[in-house]
PDB file of all heavy atoms in Angstrom:
ATOM      1  N   ALA A   1     137.215 110.471 119.665  1.00  0.00           N
ATOM      2  CA  ALA A   1     138.621 110.555 119.950  1.00  0.00           C
ATOM      3  C   ALA A   1     139.413 110.477 118.660  1.00  0.00           C
ATOM      4  O   ALA A   1     139.008 109.764 117.722  1.00  0.00           O
ATOM      5  CB  ALA A   1     139.082 109.452 120.909  1.00  0.00           C
ATOM      6  N   PHE A   2     140.513 111.151 118.575  1.00  0.00           N
ATOM      7  CA  PHE A   2     141.347 111.167 117.382  1.00  0.00           C
ATOM      8  C   PHE A   2     142.285 109.981 117.340  1.00  0.00           C
ATOM      9  O   PHE A   2     142.680 109.548 116.251  1.00  0.00           O
ATOM     10  CB  PHE A   2     142.159 112.456 117.305  1.00  0.00           C
ATOM     11  CG  PHE A   2     143.104 112.544 116.167  1.00  0.00           C
ATOM     12  CD1 PHE A   2     142.642 112.680 114.872  1.00  0.00           C
ATOM     13  CD2 PHE A   2     144.479 112.451 116.369  1.00  0.00           C
ATOM     14  CE1 PHE A   2     143.480 112.722 113.818  1.00  0.00           C
ATOM     15  CE2 PHE A   2     145.341 112.506 115.297  1.00  0.00           C
ATOM     16  CZ  PHE A   2     144.871 112.657 114.011  1.00  0.00           C
ATOM     17  N   ASN A   3     142.604 109.422 118.495  1.00  0.00           N
ATOM     18  CA  ASN A   3     143.566 108.305 118.506  1.00  0.00           C
ATOM     19  C   ASN A   3     143.262 107.350 119.663  1.00  0.00           C
ATOM     20  O   ASN A   3     142.409 107.608 120.497  1.00  0.00           O
ATOM     21  CB  ASN A   3     145.018 108.824 118.602  1.00  0.00           C
ATOM     22  CG  ASN A   3     145.264 109.656 119.827  1.00  0.00           C
ATOM     23  OD1 ASN A   3     144.969 109.217 120.945  1.00  0.00           O
ATOM     24  ND2 ASN A   3     145.792 110.832 119.663  1.00  0.00           N
ATOM     25  N   GLY A   4     143.981 106.241 119.689  1.00  0.00           N
ATOM     26  CA  GLY A   4     143.728 105.239 120.718  1.00  0.00           C
ATOM     27  C   GLY A   4     144.012 105.702 122.134  1.00  0.00           C
ATOM     28  O   GLY A   4     143.276 105.339 123.075  1.00  0.00           O
ATOM     29  N   ARG A   5     145.048 106.518 122.316  1.00  0.00           N
ATOM     30  CA  ARG A   5     145.344 107.026 123.630  1.00  0.00           C
ATOM     31  C   ARG A   5     144.218 107.869 124.186  1.00  0.00           C
ATOM     32  O   ARG A   5     143.824 107.743 125.356  1.00  0.00           O
ATOM     33  CB  ARG A   5     146.661 107.845 123.558  1.00  0.00           C
ATOM     34  CG  ARG A   5     147.649 107.485 124.578  1.00  0.00           C
ATOM     35  CD  ARG A   5     148.961 108.262 124.455  1.00  0.00           C
ATOM     36  NE  ARG A   5     149.958 107.589 123.641  1.00  0.00           N
ATOM     37  CZ  ARG A   5     150.549 106.471 123.964  1.00  0.00           C
ATOM     38  NH1 ARG A   5     150.199 105.807 125.050  1.00  0.00           N
ATOM     39  NH2 ARG A   5     151.495 105.960 123.212  1.00  0.00           N
ATOM     40  N   ASP A   6     143.686 108.758 123.336  1.00  0.00           N
ATOM     41  CA  ASP A   6     142.550 109.591 123.739  1.00  0.00           C
ATOM     42  C   ASP A   6     141.312 108.716 124.034  1.00  0.00           C
ATOM     43  O   ASP A   6     140.562 109.024 124.955  1.00  0.00           O
ATOM     44  CB  ASP A   6     142.225 110.616 122.675  1.00  0.00           C
ATOM     45  CG  ASP A   6     143.295 111.692 122.504  1.00  0.00           C
ATOM     46  OD1 ASP A   6     144.172 111.805 123.387  1.00  0.00           O
ATOM     47  OD2 ASP A   6     143.217 112.433 121.504  1.00  0.00           O
ATOM     48  N   ALA A   7     141.114 107.661 123.247  1.00  0.00           N
ATOM     49  CA  ALA A   7     139.976 106.790 123.487  1.00  0.00           C
ATOM     50  C   ALA A   7     140.054 106.131 124.859  1.00  0.00           C
ATOM     51  O   ALA A   7     139.047 106.097 125.579  1.00  0.00           O
ATOM     52  CB  ALA A   7     139.918 105.698 122.400  1.00  0.00           C
ATOM     53  N   VAL A   8     141.223 105.670 125.248  1.00  0.00           N
ATOM     54  CA  VAL A   8     141.377 105.069 126.558  1.00  0.00           C
ATOM     55  C   VAL A   8     141.096 106.076 127.647  1.00  0.00           C
ATOM     56  O   VAL A   8     140.416 105.791 128.636  1.00  0.00           O
ATOM     57  CB  VAL A   8     142.785 104.429 126.704  1.00  0.00           C
ATOM     58  CG1 VAL A   8     143.028 103.952 128.146  1.00  0.00           C
ATOM     59  CG2 VAL A   8     142.950 103.288 125.716  1.00  0.00           C
ATOM     60  N   ALA A   9     141.594 107.320 127.472  1.00  0.00           N
ATOM     61  CA  ALA A   9     141.344 108.377 128.486  1.00  0.00           C
ATOM     62  C   ALA A   9     139.847 108.685 128.619  1.00  0.00           C
ATOM     63  O   ALA A   9     139.361 108.879 129.719  1.00  0.00           O
ATOM     64  CB  ALA A   9     142.148 109.615 128.090  1.00  0.00           C
ATOM     65  N   ILE A  10     139.157 108.705 127.484  1.00  0.00           N
ATOM     66  CA  ILE A  10     137.715 108.955 127.503  1.00  0.00           C
ATOM     67  C   ILE A  10     137.004 107.838 128.262  1.00  0.00           C
ATOM     68  O   ILE A  10     136.105 108.090 129.101  1.00  0.00           O
ATOM     69  CB  ILE A  10     137.163 109.127 126.104  1.00  0.00           C
ATOM     70  CG1 ILE A  10     137.616 110.455 125.503  1.00  0.00           C
ATOM     71  CG2 ILE A  10     135.636 109.041 126.080  1.00  0.00           C
ATOM     72  CD1 ILE A  10     137.398 110.609 124.002  1.00  0.00           C
ATOM     73  N   VAL A  11     137.361 106.631 128.001  1.00  0.00           N
ATOM     74  CA  VAL A  11     136.723 105.481 128.690  1.00  0.00           C
ATOM     75  C   VAL A  11     137.008 105.540 130.188  1.00  0.00           C
ATOM     76  O   VAL A  11     136.097 105.261 130.978  1.00  0.00           O
ATOM     77  CB  VAL A  11     137.181 104.132 128.055  1.00  0.00           C
ATOM     78  CG1 VAL A  11     136.724 102.978 128.903  1.00  0.00           C
ATOM     79  CG2 VAL A  11     136.662 104.022 126.623  1.00  0.00           C
ATOM     80  N   GLU A  12     138.207 105.938 130.556  1.00  0.00           N
ATOM     81  CA  GLU A  12     138.504 106.061 131.979  1.00  0.00           C
ATOM     82  C   GLU A  12     137.582 107.053 132.662  1.00  0.00           C
ATOM     83  O   GLU A  12     137.143 106.839 133.797  1.00  0.00           O
ATOM     84  CB  GLU A  12     139.954 106.509 132.194  1.00  0.00           C
ATOM     85  CG  GLU A  12     140.970 105.422 131.957  1.00  0.00           C
ATOM     86  CD  GLU A  12     142.382 105.882 132.168  1.00  0.00           C
ATOM     87  OE1 GLU A  12     142.759 106.929 131.583  1.00  0.00           O
ATOM     88  OE2 GLU A  12     143.131 105.216 132.903  1.00  0.00           O
ATOM     89  N   ARG A  13     137.258 108.136 131.982  1.00  0.00           N
ATOM     90  CA  ARG A  13     136.379 109.193 132.552  1.00  0.00           C
ATOM     91  C   ARG A  13     134.910 108.843 132.442  1.00  0.00           C
ATOM     92  O   ARG A  13     134.158 109.066 133.402  1.00  0.00           O
ATOM     93  CB  ARG A  13     136.633 110.522 131.852  1.00  0.00           C
ATOM     94  CG  ARG A  13     137.924 111.214 132.191  1.00  0.00           C
ATOM     95  CD  ARG A  13     137.968 112.640 131.674  1.00  0.00           C
ATOM     96  NE  ARG A  13     137.516 112.786 130.295  1.00  0.00           N
ATOM     97  CZ  ARG A  13     138.295 112.717 129.218  1.00  0.00           C
ATOM     98  NH1 ARG A  13     139.547 112.462 129.343  1.00  0.00           N
ATOM     99  NH2 ARG A  13     137.768 112.923 128.007  1.00  0.00           N
ATOM    100  N   ALA A  14     134.474 108.308 131.302  1.00  0.00           N
ATOM    101  CA  ALA A  14     133.024 108.202 131.031  1.00  0.00           C
ATOM    102  C   ALA A  14     132.477 106.779 131.082  1.00  0.00           C
ATOM    103  O   ALA A  14     131.278 106.611 131.213  1.00  0.00           O
ATOM    104  CB  ALA A  14     132.702 108.780 129.653  1.00  0.00           C
ATOM    105  N   CYS A  15     133.334 105.774 130.965  1.00  0.00           N
ATOM    106  CA  CYS A  15     132.923 104.371 130.951  1.00  0.00           C
ATOM    107  C   CYS A  15     131.658 104.184 130.092  1.00  0.00           C
ATOM    108  O   CYS A  15     130.583 103.781 130.604  1.00  0.00           O
ATOM    109  CB  CYS A  15     132.720 103.844 132.362  1.00  0.00           C
ATOM    110  SG  CYS A  15     132.844 102.053 132.425  1.00  0.00           S
ATOM    111  N   PRO A  16     131.719 104.488 128.785  1.00  0.00           N
ATOM    112  CA  PRO A  16     130.548 104.346 127.914  1.00  0.00           C
ATOM    113  C   PRO A  16     130.121 102.874 127.801  1.00  0.00           C
ATOM    114  O   PRO A  16     130.876 101.976 128.107  1.00  0.00           O
ATOM    115  CB  PRO A  16     131.043 104.895 126.584  1.00  0.00           C
ATOM    116  CG  PRO A  16     132.519 104.648 126.577  1.00  0.00           C
ATOM    117  CD  PRO A  16     132.930 104.813 128.014  1.00  0.00           C
ATOM    118  N   ASP A  17     128.910 102.713 127.313  1.00  0.00           N
ATOM    119  CA  ASP A  17     128.407 101.360 127.095  1.00  0.00           C
ATOM    120  C   ASP A  17     129.192 100.646 125.996  1.00  0.00           C
ATOM    121  O   ASP A  17     129.371  99.427 126.052  1.00  0.00           O
ATOM    122  CB  ASP A  17     126.927 101.397 126.679  1.00  0.00           C
ATOM    123  CG  ASP A  17     126.071 101.999 127.773  1.00  0.00           C
ATOM    124  OD1 ASP A  17     126.263 101.666 128.967  1.00  0.00           O
ATOM    125  OD2 ASP A  17     125.226 102.885 127.453  1.00  0.00           O
ATOM    126  N   ALA A  18     129.630 101.409 124.983  1.00  0.00           N
ATOM    127  CA  ALA A  18     130.327 100.809 123.876  1.00  0.00           C
ATOM    128  C   ALA A  18     131.352 101.812 123.274  1.00  0.00           C
ATOM    129  O   ALA A  18     131.143 103.046 123.407  1.00  0.00           O
ATOM    130  CB  ALA A  18     129.357 100.394 122.775  1.00  0.00           C
ATOM    131  N   VAL A  19     132.351 101.261 122.649  1.00  0.00           N
ATOM    132  CA  VAL A  19     133.351 102.049 121.935  1.00  0.00           C
ATOM    133  C   VAL A  19     133.476 101.464 120.530  1.00  0.00           C
ATOM    134  O   VAL A  19     133.638 100.236 120.372  1.00  0.00           O
ATOM    135  CB  VAL A  19     134.730 101.995 122.643  1.00  0.00           C
ATOM    136  CG1 VAL A  19     135.819 102.654 121.806  1.00  0.00           C
ATOM    137  CG2 VAL A  19     134.676 102.611 124.023  1.00  0.00           C
ATOM    138  N   LEU A  20     133.385 102.305 119.551  1.00  0.00           N
ATOM    139  CA  LEU A  20     133.588 101.922 118.171  1.00  0.00           C
ATOM    140  C   LEU A  20     134.997 102.421 117.813  1.00  0.00           C
ATOM    141  O   LEU A  20     135.257 103.633 117.871  1.00  0.00           O
ATOM    142  CB  LEU A  20     132.543 102.585 117.233  1.00  0.00           C
ATOM    143  CG  LEU A  20     132.621 102.267 115.766  1.00  0.00           C
ATOM    144  CD1 LEU A  20     132.365 100.795 115.526  1.00  0.00           C
ATOM    145  CD2 LEU A  20     131.631 103.148 115.011  1.00  0.00           C
ATOM    146  N   ILE A  21     135.907 101.499 117.520  1.00  0.00           N
ATOM    147  CA  ILE A  21     137.318 101.882 117.355  1.00  0.00           C
ATOM    148  C   ILE A  21     137.925 101.268 116.121  1.00  0.00           C
ATOM    149  O   ILE A  21     137.626 100.121 115.770  1.00  0.00           O
ATOM    150  CB  ILE A  21     138.072 101.505 118.667  1.00  0.00           C
ATOM    151  CG1 ILE A  21     139.462 102.149 118.720  1.00  0.00           C
ATOM    152  CG2 ILE A  21     138.165  99.996 118.828  1.00  0.00           C
ATOM    153  CD1 ILE A  21     140.063 102.127 120.088  1.00  0.00           C
ATOM    154  N   GLY A  22     138.728 102.055 115.461  1.00  0.00           N
ATOM    155  CA  GLY A  22     139.441 101.556 114.254  1.00  0.00           C
ATOM    156  C   GLY A  22     140.680 100.798 114.659  1.00  0.00           C
ATOM    157  O   GLY A  22     141.125 100.860 115.806  1.00  0.00           O
ATOM    158  N   LEU A  23     141.286 100.114 113.695  1.00  0.00           N
ATOM    159  CA  LEU A  23     142.511  99.380 113.944  1.00  0.00           C
ATOM    160  C   LEU A  23     143.738 100.271 113.840  1.00  0.00           C
ATOM    161  O   LEU A  23     144.623 100.227 114.659  1.00  0.00           O
ATOM    162  CB  LEU A  23     142.672  98.221 112.953  1.00  0.00           C
ATOM    163  CG  LEU A  23     142.066  96.912 113.323  1.00  0.00           C
ATOM    164  CD1 LEU A  23     142.430  95.871 112.293  1.00  0.00           C
ATOM    165  CD2 LEU A  23     142.498  96.446 114.692  1.00  0.00           C
ATOM    166  N   GLN A  24     143.793 101.056 112.795  1.00  0.00           N
ATOM    167  CA  GLN A  24     144.976 101.860 112.475  1.00  0.00           C
ATOM    168  C   GLN A  24     144.733 103.282 112.861  1.00  0.00           C
ATOM    169  O   GLN A  24     143.936 103.963 112.208  1.00  0.00           O
ATOM    170  CB  GLN A  24     145.339 101.694 111.019  1.00  0.00           C
ATOM    171  CG  GLN A  24     145.612 100.266 110.666  1.00  0.00           C
ATOM    172  CD  GLN A  24     145.642 100.020 109.156  1.00  0.00           C
ATOM    173  OE1 GLN A  24     145.031 100.726 108.405  1.00  0.00           O
ATOM    174  NE2 GLN A  24     146.308  98.952 108.758  1.00  0.00           N
ATOM    175  N   MET A  25     145.394 103.728 113.950  1.00  0.00           N
ATOM    176  CA  MET A  25     145.220 105.108 114.421  1.00  0.00           C
ATOM    177  C   MET A  25     146.564 105.626 114.870  1.00  0.00           C
ATOM    178  O   MET A  25     147.506 104.858 115.169  1.00  0.00           O
ATOM    179  CB  MET A  25     144.271 105.116 115.627  1.00  0.00           C
ATOM    180  CG  MET A  25     142.889 104.623 115.343  1.00  0.00           C
ATOM    181  SD  MET A  25     141.905 104.616 116.826  1.00  0.00           S
ATOM    182  CE  MET A  25     142.714 103.351 117.799  1.00  0.00           C
ATOM    183  N   PRO A  26     146.695 106.945 114.981  1.00  0.00           N
ATOM    184  CA  PRO A  26     147.926 107.507 115.512  1.00  0.00           C
ATOM    185  C   PRO A  26     148.036 107.195 117.017  1.00  0.00           C
ATOM    186  O   PRO A  26     147.055 106.920 117.689  1.00  0.00           O
ATOM    187  CB  PRO A  26     147.748 109.033 115.317  1.00  0.00           C
ATOM    188  CG  PRO A  26     146.495 109.221 114.548  1.00  0.00           C
ATOM    189  CD  PRO A  26     145.763 107.932 114.530  1.00  0.00           C
ATOM    190  N   SER A  27     149.218 107.210 117.547  1.00  0.00           N
ATOM    191  CA  SER A  27     149.551 107.041 118.970  1.00  0.00           C
ATOM    192  C   SER A  27     149.392 105.633 119.508  1.00  0.00           C
ATOM    193  O   SER A  27     150.228 105.183 120.273  1.00  0.00           O
ATOM    194  CB  SER A  27     148.757 107.991 119.848  1.00  0.00           C
ATOM    195  OG  SER A  27     149.071 109.320 119.518  1.00  0.00           O
ATOM    196  N   MET A  28     148.295 104.967 119.172  1.00  0.00           N
ATOM    197  CA  MET A  28     148.061 103.635 119.702  1.00  0.00           C
ATOM    198  C   MET A  28     147.056 102.926 118.771  1.00  0.00           C
ATOM    199  O   MET A  28     146.033 103.470 118.482  1.00  0.00           O
ATOM    200  CB  MET A  28     147.477 103.726 121.093  1.00  0.00           C
ATOM    201  CG  MET A  28     147.191 102.400 121.773  1.00  0.00           C
ATOM    202  SD  MET A  28     146.355 102.593 123.362  1.00  0.00           S
ATOM    203  CE  MET A  28     147.548 103.520 124.310  1.00  0.00           C
TER     204      MET A  28
END
């Protein structure tokens, strides 16, 4: 995902085992 908003949407659809996420991203 390019940003936090997209990451949340992906998790809603796929519910992965883990998410590796940065602190500073566009949108969220």
